[in-house]
Structure formats: structure tokens, C-alpha cells
Protein backbone atom coordinates (compact mmCIF):
# COMPACT_ATOMS: atom_id res chain seq x y z
CA MET A 1 0.04 0.08 0.08
CA GLU A 2 1.10 3.61 -0.34
CA GLY A 3 2.68 5.44 2.53
CA TYR A 4 3.11 9.03 2.99
CA VAL A 5 6.45 10.45 4.16
CA LYS A 6 7.15 13.64 6.25
CA LEU A 7 10.71 13.80 7.46
CA GLY A 8 11.31 11.03 9.86
CA ARG A 9 7.49 9.88 9.84
CA VAL A 10 5.67 7.25 7.45
CA SER A 11 1.99 7.35 7.66
CA PHE A 12 -0.09 4.60 6.06
CA LYS A 13 -3.49 2.80 6.39
CA SER A 14 -4.25 -0.99 6.43
CA ASN A 15 -7.79 -2.30 6.61
CA GLY A 16 -9.12 1.23 8.04
CA GLN A 17 -6.26 1.20 10.77
CA GLY A 18 -3.86 4.21 10.72
CA TYR A 19 -0.06 3.39 11.23
CA GLU A 20 2.86 5.44 12.01
CA LEU A 21 6.63 4.66 11.75
CA LEU A 22 8.74 7.29 13.34
CA THR A 23 12.48 7.43 13.00
CA GLY A 24 15.33 9.91 14.40
CA ALA A 25 16.21 10.85 10.77
CA PRO A 26 14.55 11.50 7.36
CA ILE A 27 13.64 8.06 5.71
CA THR A 28 13.61 9.31 2.28
CA ARG A 29 13.91 12.51 0.15
CA GLY A 30 10.47 11.50 -1.52
CA ASP A 31 6.92 12.20 -0.11
CA LYS A 32 5.72 8.53 -0.85
CA VAL A 33 6.77 4.88 -0.10
CA TRP A 34 5.31 1.68 -0.62
CA VAL A 35 4.73 -0.34 2.66
CA LEU A 36 4.25 -4.08 2.94
CA HIS A 37 2.37 -4.61 6.12
CA GLU A 38 2.29 -8.38 7.24
CA PRO A 39 0.36 -8.12 10.69
CA HIS A 40 1.03 -11.81 11.48
CA TYR A 41 4.68 -11.74 10.75
CA THR A 42 6.98 -13.51 13.05
CA PRO A 43 10.86 -13.34 12.56
CA GLN A 44 12.64 -16.66 12.07
CA PRO A 45 14.83 -17.77 15.09
CA GLU A 46 17.92 -17.25 12.87
CA ALA A 47 17.20 -13.54 12.48
CA GLU A 48 17.78 -13.09 16.26
CA GLY A 49 20.30 -10.30 16.78
CA ASN A 50 19.91 -8.77 13.31
CA ALA A 51 18.25 -5.55 12.69
CA PHE A 52 14.69 -5.30 11.22
CA ILE A 53 11.63 -2.65 11.34
CA THR A 54 8.43 -3.63 12.97
CA THR A 55 5.48 -1.86 14.22
CA MET A 56 2.94 -2.26 17.26
CA ASN A 57 -0.11 -0.94 18.11
CA TRP A 58 -0.24 1.09 21.56
CA GLU A 59 -1.93 -1.82 23.36
CA GLN A 60 0.92 -4.23 22.25
CA ILE A 61 3.45 -1.80 23.46
CA GLN A 62 1.91 -1.43 26.71
CA ALA A 63 1.34 -5.12 27.10
CA SER A 64 5.04 -5.83 26.33
CA GLY A 65 6.16 -3.33 29.03
CA SER A 66 7.72 -0.98 26.60
CA GLY A 67 5.07 1.70 27.04
CA LYS A 68 5.32 4.64 29.29
CA PRO A 69 2.26 6.15 31.01
């Protein structure tokens, strides 16, 4: 799906749900990107220790203990 970029923020919608990916630096010089959203994706064990980008909704972040009140 098409995502929209503004500096370090990518915004997109999947099945009517809005998502945002935030980074500390600009992602691209363009204003649009293509996003592959796989909500049931689970990294393979051999990928442990390697970097990848993922997103979570606020409830998942809170449940994982990563969220701050």
C-alpha cells in the first residue's frame, strides 16, 4: 500500500487502521513510499540479533512493558 512521508514519519492505513513509523532521521527525500504490512509476521529464530523494522499498536506496546504512562 502507499505510505506518506514527512521527514522521519511514514503514515499509512491498512484495513482502515492508521499506522505511523517514526525514526530519528529522514527516511527518504521523496514524499511517498510503498509499505508491506504483514500483521502476523514473526521473525525466524535465525534472524535473532539482526536489525529489522516492525510496528506495534499502543496496546501491544503497553502489554510488552515498553510503553510509558
